[in-house]
Amino acid sequence: MKKYNTILLILFSLFIFSCDEGLAPLNKDQSASLNINIKFINDWPKKDSVLGLRVAAFKLPPSESLLGEITSGNANISDLITDYDIDSKNIEFIYSKLPLDLKYIVVAWQYESDITMQRIVGVYNNSIKTEPAMISLDFGDRKNIEIEVDWNDFPPQPF
C-alpha cells in the first residue's frame, strides 16, 4: 500500500509541476482583438428577406472561391446576426496567430436559406466607399473599426 501511495504522490507532483496553464485564456499581450462596430442607415429590407447578417474578415482580397478561403483558414466569420431593424451592432474577433493583415472586412446579408445566397452590404474602408481598406494587427493590439451598412446603397460585389 505504501508503494502505491508513493507512486500516486510522484504522479500528482509531476502533474502539478508540469501544468503550464494550457487551458488558461490567452494573455492580452499574446493576442490581438478587432472590434467591429456596424452602423445601419436607411430603412431595412422586409423582415422575411433578412435571414441574418455575418461579418467576415479575410486575409486575402476577395476571390471567386470565398468558401475555399473560409475552409483554408484565410477568413474569420462571425455567428449569424439575427437582430432586425437595429441601429448598430458590435462584433469582436480575437486573433492569436500574429502579425496579421486583414485585406477585406465585410458585412454580408443572407437573404435566402441557402448559405451561398448572400450579398455584401458593407465594406471596411478608410475614405473611398467602394475600395476596401487593410488593417494590420500585432501582439497586444486592440483596434476598433466601423463599417457602414447603407440599405439603399450597397458597395460593389466582389464578383
N, C-alpha and C. Protein backbone atom coordinates (compact mmCIF):
# COMPACT_ATOMS: atom_id res chain seq x y z
N MET A 1 0.82 -1.20 0.00
CA MET A 1 0.00 0.00 0.00
C MET A 1 0.86 1.26 0.00
N LYS A 2 1.96 1.21 0.74
CA LYS A 2 2.87 2.34 0.80
C LYS A 2 3.47 2.62 -0.58
N LYS A 3 3.70 1.55 -1.35
CA LYS A 3 4.26 1.68 -2.69
C LYS A 3 3.30 2.45 -3.61
N TYR A 4 2.01 2.16 -3.53
CA TYR A 4 1.01 2.84 -4.36
C TYR A 4 0.88 4.31 -3.95
N ASN A 5 0.94 4.58 -2.68
CA ASN A 5 0.87 5.97 -2.22
C ASN A 5 2.06 6.77 -2.74
N THR A 6 3.23 6.17 -2.75
CA THR A 6 4.43 6.84 -3.25
C THR A 6 4.29 7.12 -4.74
N ILE A 7 3.81 6.13 -5.49
CA ILE A 7 3.62 6.30 -6.94
C ILE A 7 2.59 7.40 -7.21
N LEU A 8 1.49 7.38 -6.47
CA LEU A 8 0.47 8.42 -6.64
C LEU A 8 1.01 9.80 -6.30
N LEU A 9 1.82 9.89 -5.25
CA LEU A 9 2.42 11.16 -4.87
C LEU A 9 3.35 11.67 -5.97
N ILE A 10 4.14 10.79 -6.57
CA ILE A 10 5.05 11.17 -7.65
C ILE A 10 4.25 11.64 -8.87
N LEU A 11 3.23 10.87 -9.25
CA LEU A 11 2.40 11.26 -10.40
C LEU A 11 1.69 12.58 -10.16
N PHE A 12 1.18 12.76 -8.96
CA PHE A 12 0.49 14.00 -8.63
C PHE A 12 1.47 15.18 -8.69
N SER A 13 2.68 14.98 -8.19
CA SER A 13 3.69 16.04 -8.21
C SER A 13 4.07 16.40 -9.65
N LEU A 14 4.24 15.39 -10.49
CA LEU A 14 4.56 15.65 -11.90
C LEU A 14 3.43 16.44 -12.57
N PHE A 15 2.21 16.06 -12.27
CA PHE A 15 1.06 16.74 -12.84
C PHE A 15 1.02 18.21 -12.42
N ILE A 16 1.21 18.46 -11.14
CA ILE A 16 1.14 19.83 -10.62
C ILE A 16 2.26 20.69 -11.18
N PHE A 17 3.48 20.18 -11.20
CA PHE A 17 4.61 20.99 -11.63
C PHE A 17 4.73 21.11 -13.15
N SER A 18 4.04 20.25 -13.89
CA SER A 18 4.14 20.32 -15.34
C SER A 18 3.03 21.15 -15.96
N CYS A 19 2.07 21.56 -15.19
CA CYS A 19 0.97 22.36 -15.72
C CYS A 19 1.50 23.73 -16.14
N ASP A 20 1.24 24.10 -17.38
CA ASP A 20 1.70 25.39 -17.88
C ASP A 20 0.53 26.29 -18.27
N GLU A 21 -0.60 26.11 -17.62
CA GLU A 21 -1.79 26.91 -17.87
C GLU A 21 -2.29 26.77 -19.29
N GLY A 22 -2.23 25.53 -19.82
CA GLY A 22 -2.67 25.26 -21.19
C GLY A 22 -4.12 25.60 -21.42
N LEU A 23 -4.95 25.55 -20.40
CA LEU A 23 -6.36 25.86 -20.56
C LEU A 23 -6.70 27.30 -20.18
N ALA A 24 -5.71 28.03 -19.74
CA ALA A 24 -5.94 29.42 -19.33
C ALA A 24 -6.19 30.29 -20.56
N PRO A 25 -6.99 31.34 -20.42
CA PRO A 25 -7.22 32.22 -21.56
C PRO A 25 -5.91 32.90 -21.99
N LEU A 26 -5.88 33.30 -23.25
CA LEU A 26 -4.70 33.98 -23.76
C LEU A 26 -4.44 35.28 -23.02
N ASN A 27 -3.19 35.53 -22.74
CA ASN A 27 -2.77 36.79 -22.18
C ASN A 27 -3.02 37.86 -23.24
N LYS A 28 -3.44 39.05 -22.85
CA LYS A 28 -3.72 40.10 -23.81
C LYS A 28 -2.52 40.41 -24.69
N ASP A 29 -1.31 40.23 -24.16
CA ASP A 29 -0.12 40.51 -24.95
C ASP A 29 0.18 39.40 -25.95
N GLN A 30 -0.52 38.26 -25.86
CA GLN A 30 -0.30 37.14 -26.77
C GLN A 30 -1.36 37.10 -27.87
N SER A 31 -2.22 38.08 -27.90
CA SER A 31 -3.30 38.09 -28.88
C SER A 31 -3.58 39.52 -29.33
N ALA A 32 -4.48 39.64 -30.27
CA ALA A 32 -4.94 40.95 -30.73
C ALA A 32 -6.45 40.86 -30.90
N SER A 33 -7.13 41.98 -30.70
CA SER A 33 -8.58 41.97 -30.90
C SER A 33 -8.96 43.04 -31.91
N LEU A 34 -9.98 42.70 -32.66
CA LEU A 34 -10.55 43.63 -33.63
C LEU A 34 -12.03 43.78 -33.31
N ASN A 35 -12.41 44.96 -32.88
CA ASN A 35 -13.80 45.25 -32.56
C ASN A 35 -14.41 45.99 -33.75
N ILE A 36 -15.48 45.42 -34.30
CA ILE A 36 -16.12 45.97 -35.48
C ILE A 36 -17.49 46.51 -35.09
N ASN A 37 -17.67 47.80 -35.26
CA ASN A 37 -18.95 48.44 -34.99
C ASN A 37 -19.66 48.62 -36.33
N ILE A 38 -20.81 47.98 -36.48
CA ILE A 38 -21.59 48.08 -37.71
C ILE A 38 -22.68 49.12 -37.48
N LYS A 39 -22.74 50.12 -38.34
CA LYS A 39 -23.79 51.15 -38.26
C LYS A 39 -24.72 50.97 -39.46
N PHE A 40 -26.01 50.88 -39.18
CA PHE A 40 -27.02 50.68 -40.22
C PHE A 40 -27.73 52.00 -40.47
N ILE A 41 -27.85 52.37 -41.76
CA ILE A 41 -28.59 53.58 -42.09
C ILE A 41 -29.63 53.24 -43.15
N ASN A 42 -30.68 54.04 -43.18
CA ASN A 42 -31.84 53.89 -44.06
C ASN A 42 -32.68 52.68 -43.65
N ASP A 43 -33.83 52.54 -44.26
CA ASP A 43 -34.80 51.51 -43.88
C ASP A 43 -34.31 50.11 -44.26
N TRP A 44 -34.48 49.19 -43.32
CA TRP A 44 -34.12 47.80 -43.56
C TRP A 44 -35.05 47.19 -44.61
N PRO A 45 -34.58 46.15 -45.32
CA PRO A 45 -35.49 45.41 -46.20
C PRO A 45 -36.57 44.72 -45.37
N LYS A 46 -37.56 44.15 -46.04
CA LYS A 46 -38.62 43.44 -45.32
C LYS A 46 -38.00 42.33 -44.47
N LYS A 47 -38.58 42.14 -43.29
CA LYS A 47 -38.04 41.19 -42.32
C LYS A 47 -37.91 39.77 -42.90
N ASP A 48 -38.86 39.34 -43.72
CA ASP A 48 -38.79 37.97 -44.24
C ASP A 48 -37.68 37.78 -45.28
N SER A 49 -37.03 38.88 -45.70
CA SER A 49 -35.91 38.75 -46.63
C SER A 49 -34.55 38.89 -45.94
N VAL A 50 -34.57 39.02 -44.61
CA VAL A 50 -33.31 39.13 -43.87
C VAL A 50 -33.20 37.90 -42.95
N LEU A 51 -32.55 36.85 -43.47
CA LEU A 51 -32.32 35.68 -42.63
C LEU A 51 -31.26 35.96 -41.59
N GLY A 52 -30.36 36.86 -41.91
CA GLY A 52 -29.33 37.25 -40.96
C GLY A 52 -28.18 37.95 -41.65
N LEU A 53 -27.25 38.41 -40.84
CA LEU A 53 -26.04 39.07 -41.32
C LEU A 53 -24.84 38.37 -40.71
N ARG A 54 -23.72 38.44 -41.40
CA ARG A 54 -22.46 37.92 -40.89
C ARG A 54 -21.36 38.94 -41.19
N VAL A 55 -20.37 38.96 -40.31
CA VAL A 55 -19.17 39.75 -40.57
C VAL A 55 -18.08 38.76 -40.94
N ALA A 56 -17.33 39.10 -41.99
CA ALA A 56 -16.23 38.25 -42.43
C ALA A 56 -14.97 39.10 -42.57
N ALA A 57 -13.87 38.59 -42.07
CA ALA A 57 -12.57 39.28 -42.17
C ALA A 57 -11.61 38.34 -42.90
N PHE A 58 -11.17 38.75 -44.09
CA PHE A 58 -10.34 37.93 -44.96
C PHE A 58 -8.89 38.39 -44.96
N LYS A 59 -7.98 37.42 -44.97
CA LYS A 59 -6.55 37.73 -45.06
C LYS A 59 -6.15 38.12 -46.48
N LEU A 60 -6.92 37.65 -47.45
CA LEU A 60 -6.62 37.91 -48.86
C LEU A 60 -7.76 38.70 -49.48
N PRO A 61 -7.49 39.40 -50.57
CA PRO A 61 -8.59 40.08 -51.27
C PRO A 61 -9.60 39.04 -51.76
N PRO A 62 -10.81 39.48 -52.06
CA PRO A 62 -11.84 38.51 -52.46
C PRO A 62 -11.46 37.75 -53.73
N SER A 63 -11.84 36.48 -53.72
CA SER A 63 -11.65 35.65 -54.90
C SER A 63 -12.99 35.01 -55.22
N GLU A 64 -13.05 34.29 -56.29
CA GLU A 64 -14.31 33.63 -56.66
C GLU A 64 -14.62 32.46 -55.74
N SER A 65 -13.64 32.03 -54.95
CA SER A 65 -13.85 30.90 -54.06
C SER A 65 -13.85 31.36 -52.61
N LEU A 66 -14.87 32.13 -52.24
CA LEU A 66 -14.96 32.59 -50.85
C LEU A 66 -15.05 31.41 -49.90
N LEU A 67 -15.78 30.36 -50.29
CA LEU A 67 -15.89 29.17 -49.46
C LEU A 67 -14.52 28.53 -49.27
N GLY A 68 -13.71 28.52 -50.33
CA GLY A 68 -12.35 27.99 -50.24
C GLY A 68 -11.49 28.81 -49.29
N GLU A 69 -11.66 30.12 -49.30
CA GLU A 69 -10.92 30.99 -48.39
C GLU A 69 -11.28 30.68 -46.94
N ILE A 70 -12.54 30.42 -46.71
CA ILE A 70 -13.00 30.12 -45.35
C ILE A 70 -12.46 28.77 -44.89
N THR A 71 -12.58 27.75 -45.72
CA THR A 71 -12.13 26.41 -45.32
C THR A 71 -10.62 26.31 -45.20
N SER A 72 -9.88 27.17 -45.90
CA SER A 72 -8.42 27.13 -45.81
C SER A 72 -7.90 27.96 -44.63
N GLY A 73 -8.78 28.57 -43.88
CA GLY A 73 -8.36 29.34 -42.70
C GLY A 73 -7.96 30.77 -43.02
N ASN A 74 -8.27 31.26 -44.19
CA ASN A 74 -7.92 32.63 -44.57
C ASN A 74 -9.00 33.64 -44.22
N ALA A 75 -10.01 33.21 -43.45
CA ALA A 75 -11.09 34.13 -43.10
C ALA A 75 -11.68 33.77 -41.74
N ASN A 76 -12.15 34.77 -41.05
CA ASN A 76 -12.93 34.58 -39.83
C ASN A 76 -14.35 35.03 -40.14
N ILE A 77 -15.31 34.24 -39.70
CA ILE A 77 -16.72 34.54 -39.95
C ILE A 77 -17.44 34.61 -38.60
N SER A 78 -18.24 35.64 -38.41
CA SER A 78 -18.99 35.76 -37.17
C SER A 78 -20.18 34.80 -37.18
N ASP A 79 -20.76 34.61 -36.03
CA ASP A 79 -22.02 33.89 -35.95
C ASP A 79 -23.09 34.70 -36.68
N LEU A 80 -24.17 34.04 -37.01
CA LEU A 80 -25.26 34.71 -37.70
C LEU A 80 -25.89 35.76 -36.78
N ILE A 81 -25.99 36.97 -37.28
CA ILE A 81 -26.62 38.06 -36.54
C ILE A 81 -28.08 38.08 -36.96
N THR A 82 -28.96 37.78 -36.03
CA THR A 82 -30.38 37.70 -36.37
C THR A 82 -31.17 38.91 -35.89
N ASP A 83 -30.50 39.88 -35.28
CA ASP A 83 -31.19 41.11 -34.88
C ASP A 83 -31.75 41.79 -36.12
N TYR A 84 -32.88 42.46 -35.96
CA TYR A 84 -33.52 43.13 -37.09
C TYR A 84 -33.86 44.56 -36.72
N ASP A 85 -33.71 45.46 -37.69
CA ASP A 85 -34.07 46.86 -37.55
C ASP A 85 -33.34 47.53 -36.38
N ILE A 86 -32.05 47.27 -36.29
CA ILE A 86 -31.23 47.88 -35.24
C ILE A 86 -30.40 49.00 -35.86
N ASP A 87 -29.89 49.88 -35.02
CA ASP A 87 -29.07 51.00 -35.50
C ASP A 87 -27.59 50.64 -35.57
N SER A 88 -27.15 49.73 -34.67
CA SER A 88 -25.74 49.34 -34.67
C SER A 88 -25.57 47.98 -34.00
N LYS A 89 -24.42 47.38 -34.25
CA LYS A 89 -24.09 46.07 -33.68
C LYS A 89 -22.58 45.97 -33.59
N ASN A 90 -22.07 45.42 -32.48
CA ASN A 90 -20.64 45.21 -32.31
C ASN A 90 -20.29 43.74 -32.41
N ILE A 91 -19.21 43.46 -33.11
CA ILE A 91 -18.68 42.12 -33.26
C ILE A 91 -17.20 42.20 -32.92
N GLU A 92 -16.69 41.19 -32.21
CA GLU A 92 -15.27 41.17 -31.88
C GLU A 92 -14.64 39.87 -32.34
N PHE A 93 -13.49 40.00 -32.99
CA PHE A 93 -12.66 38.85 -33.36
C PHE A 93 -11.38 38.92 -32.53
N ILE A 94 -10.94 37.75 -32.02
CA ILE A 94 -9.68 37.64 -31.29
C ILE A 94 -8.73 36.81 -32.15
N TYR A 95 -7.51 37.29 -32.32
CA TYR A 95 -6.51 36.60 -33.14
C TYR A 95 -5.29 36.27 -32.29
N SER A 96 -4.74 35.07 -32.48
CA SER A 96 -3.53 34.67 -31.77
C SER A 96 -2.37 34.39 -32.72
N LYS A 97 -2.66 34.15 -34.00
CA LYS A 97 -1.60 33.93 -34.99
C LYS A 97 -1.27 35.28 -35.61
N LEU A 98 -0.24 35.89 -35.08
CA LEU A 98 0.11 37.26 -35.44
C LEU A 98 1.57 37.34 -35.85
N PRO A 99 1.99 38.40 -36.53
CA PRO A 99 1.22 39.52 -37.06
C PRO A 99 0.30 39.07 -38.19
N LEU A 100 -0.67 39.94 -38.50
CA LEU A 100 -1.72 39.58 -39.44
C LEU A 100 -2.22 40.82 -40.17
N ASP A 101 -2.39 40.68 -41.49
CA ASP A 101 -3.01 41.72 -42.30
C ASP A 101 -4.36 41.22 -42.76
N LEU A 102 -5.41 41.99 -42.51
CA LEU A 102 -6.75 41.67 -42.99
C LEU A 102 -7.06 42.63 -44.13
N LYS A 103 -7.27 42.08 -45.33
CA LYS A 103 -7.38 42.90 -46.53
C LYS A 103 -8.80 43.14 -47.00
N TYR A 104 -9.76 42.41 -46.41
CA TYR A 104 -11.15 42.56 -46.87
C TYR A 104 -12.06 42.20 -45.71
N ILE A 105 -12.70 43.22 -45.11
CA ILE A 105 -13.58 43.02 -43.97
C ILE A 105 -14.96 43.51 -44.39
N VAL A 106 -15.95 42.62 -44.32
CA VAL A 106 -17.26 42.93 -44.88
C VAL A 106 -18.40 42.48 -43.97
N VAL A 107 -19.57 43.05 -44.24
CA VAL A 107 -20.82 42.58 -43.68
C VAL A 107 -21.60 41.98 -44.83
N ALA A 108 -22.06 40.74 -44.65
CA ALA A 108 -22.82 40.04 -45.69
C ALA A 108 -24.25 39.82 -45.21
N TRP A 109 -25.18 40.01 -46.12
CA TRP A 109 -26.61 39.84 -45.86
C TRP A 109 -27.03 38.52 -46.49
N GLN A 110 -27.50 37.60 -45.64
CA GLN A 110 -28.05 36.34 -46.15
C GLN A 110 -29.54 36.53 -46.34
N TYR A 111 -30.00 36.43 -47.59
CA TYR A 111 -31.40 36.74 -47.89
C TYR A 111 -32.24 35.52 -48.24
N GLU A 112 -31.63 34.34 -48.33
CA GLU A 112 -32.36 33.09 -48.53
C GLU A 112 -31.75 32.02 -47.64
N SER A 113 -32.44 30.89 -47.51
CA SER A 113 -31.94 29.84 -46.62
C SER A 113 -30.66 29.19 -47.12
N ASP A 114 -30.40 29.23 -48.42
CA ASP A 114 -29.16 28.72 -48.99
C ASP A 114 -28.02 29.64 -48.56
N ILE A 115 -27.02 29.10 -47.88
CA ILE A 115 -25.94 29.92 -47.33
C ILE A 115 -25.15 30.65 -48.41
N THR A 116 -25.22 30.17 -49.64
CA THR A 116 -24.50 30.86 -50.72
C THR A 116 -25.26 32.08 -51.24
N MET A 117 -26.47 32.26 -50.80
CA MET A 117 -27.29 33.40 -51.24
C MET A 117 -27.06 34.58 -50.30
N GLN A 118 -25.93 35.25 -50.50
CA GLN A 118 -25.56 36.38 -49.67
C GLN A 118 -25.10 37.53 -50.55
N ARG A 119 -25.20 38.71 -50.00
CA ARG A 119 -24.79 39.91 -50.71
C ARG A 119 -23.97 40.77 -49.75
N ILE A 120 -22.89 41.34 -50.25
CA ILE A 120 -22.08 42.24 -49.44
C ILE A 120 -22.84 43.55 -49.30
N VAL A 121 -23.06 43.97 -48.04
CA VAL A 121 -23.81 45.21 -47.80
C VAL A 121 -22.98 46.27 -47.09
N GLY A 122 -21.78 45.91 -46.67
CA GLY A 122 -20.89 46.87 -46.02
C GLY A 122 -19.45 46.40 -46.13
N VAL A 123 -18.54 47.34 -46.39
CA VAL A 123 -17.11 47.04 -46.52
C VAL A 123 -16.33 48.02 -45.66
N TYR A 124 -15.33 47.50 -44.93
CA TYR A 124 -14.46 48.40 -44.18
C TYR A 124 -13.59 49.17 -45.17
N ASN A 125 -13.61 50.50 -45.05
CA ASN A 125 -12.81 51.36 -45.92
C ASN A 125 -12.35 52.58 -45.14
N ASN A 126 -11.33 53.22 -45.65
CA ASN A 126 -10.83 54.43 -44.99
C ASN A 126 -11.61 55.67 -45.39
N SER A 127 -11.73 55.90 -46.67
CA SER A 127 -12.46 57.09 -47.11
C SER A 127 -13.24 56.87 -48.40
N ILE A 128 -12.71 56.04 -49.29
CA ILE A 128 -13.40 55.78 -50.55
C ILE A 128 -14.31 54.57 -50.33
N LYS A 129 -15.60 54.82 -50.38
CA LYS A 129 -16.59 53.80 -50.01
C LYS A 129 -16.49 52.52 -50.83
N THR A 130 -16.04 52.63 -52.06
CA THR A 130 -16.02 51.46 -52.94
C THR A 130 -14.74 50.64 -52.83
N GLU A 131 -13.73 51.13 -52.10
CA GLU A 131 -12.44 50.43 -52.02
C GLU A 131 -12.20 49.90 -50.61
N PRO A 132 -11.99 48.58 -50.48
CA PRO A 132 -11.70 48.02 -49.15
C PRO A 132 -10.36 48.54 -48.62
N ALA A 133 -10.28 48.64 -47.31
CA ALA A 133 -9.04 49.07 -46.66
C ALA A 133 -8.47 47.90 -45.87
N MET A 134 -7.16 47.88 -45.74
CA MET A 134 -6.48 46.83 -44.99
C MET A 134 -6.24 47.31 -43.56
N ILE A 135 -6.24 46.36 -42.64
CA ILE A 135 -5.88 46.66 -41.26
C ILE A 135 -4.85 45.63 -40.81
N SER A 136 -3.82 46.09 -40.10
CA SER A 136 -2.76 45.22 -39.61
C SER A 136 -2.89 45.05 -38.11
N LEU A 137 -2.71 43.81 -37.66
CA LEU A 137 -2.79 43.51 -36.23
C LEU A 137 -1.49 42.85 -35.79
N ASP A 138 -1.06 43.20 -34.58
CA ASP A 138 0.12 42.59 -33.98
C ASP A 138 -0.18 42.30 -32.52
N PHE A 139 0.71 41.61 -31.86
CA PHE A 139 0.51 41.22 -30.47
C PHE A 139 0.17 42.44 -29.61
N GLY A 140 -0.87 42.30 -28.81
CA GLY A 140 -1.28 43.36 -27.89
C GLY A 140 -2.20 44.41 -28.50
N ASP A 141 -2.42 44.37 -29.82
CA ASP A 141 -3.28 45.37 -30.46
C ASP A 141 -4.73 45.20 -30.03
N ARG A 142 -5.41 46.32 -29.87
CA ARG A 142 -6.85 46.39 -29.63
C ARG A 142 -7.37 47.46 -30.57
N LYS A 143 -7.87 47.04 -31.73
CA LYS A 143 -8.28 48.01 -32.73
C LYS A 143 -9.79 48.03 -32.90
N ASN A 144 -10.31 49.22 -33.14
CA ASN A 144 -11.74 49.43 -33.37
C ASN A 144 -11.93 50.00 -34.76
N ILE A 145 -12.87 49.41 -35.49
CA ILE A 145 -13.19 49.93 -36.81
C ILE A 145 -14.71 50.05 -36.93
N GLU A 146 -15.14 50.77 -37.95
CA GLU A 146 -16.58 50.93 -38.19
C GLU A 146 -16.88 50.56 -39.64
N ILE A 147 -17.97 49.84 -39.82
CA ILE A 147 -18.47 49.53 -41.15
C ILE A 147 -19.89 50.07 -41.25
N GLU A 148 -20.14 50.84 -42.29
CA GLU A 148 -21.47 51.39 -42.51
C GLU A 148 -22.24 50.50 -43.48
N VAL A 149 -23.46 50.14 -43.10
CA VAL A 149 -24.36 49.42 -44.00
C VAL A 149 -25.47 50.39 -44.37
N ASP A 150 -25.45 50.80 -45.64
CA ASP A 150 -26.50 51.69 -46.17
C ASP A 150 -27.43 50.81 -47.00
N TRP A 151 -28.61 50.57 -46.47
CA TRP A 151 -29.55 49.67 -47.13
C TRP A 151 -30.01 50.19 -48.49
N ASN A 152 -29.73 51.45 -48.80
CA ASN A 152 -30.10 52.00 -50.11
C ASN A 152 -28.93 52.08 -51.09
N ASP A 153 -27.72 51.75 -50.62
CA ASP A 153 -26.53 51.91 -51.47
C ASP A 153 -25.47 50.87 -51.09
N PHE A 154 -25.54 49.71 -51.72
CA PHE A 154 -24.60 48.63 -51.42
C PHE A 154 -23.27 48.87 -52.12
N PRO A 155 -22.17 48.39 -51.52
CA PRO A 155 -20.87 48.51 -52.19
C PRO A 155 -20.81 47.54 -53.38
N PRO A 156 -19.81 47.72 -54.25
CA PRO A 156 -19.66 46.77 -55.36
C PRO A 156 -19.46 45.35 -54.83
N GLN A 157 -20.05 44.40 -55.52
CA GLN A 157 -19.89 43.00 -55.14
C GLN A 157 -18.53 42.50 -55.62
N PRO A 158 -17.93 41.56 -54.89
CA PRO A 158 -16.57 41.14 -55.24
C PRO A 158 -16.46 40.46 -56.61
N PHE A 159 -17.53 39.87 -57.11
CA PHE A 159 -17.52 39.25 -58.45
C PHE A 159 -18.92 39.15 -58.99
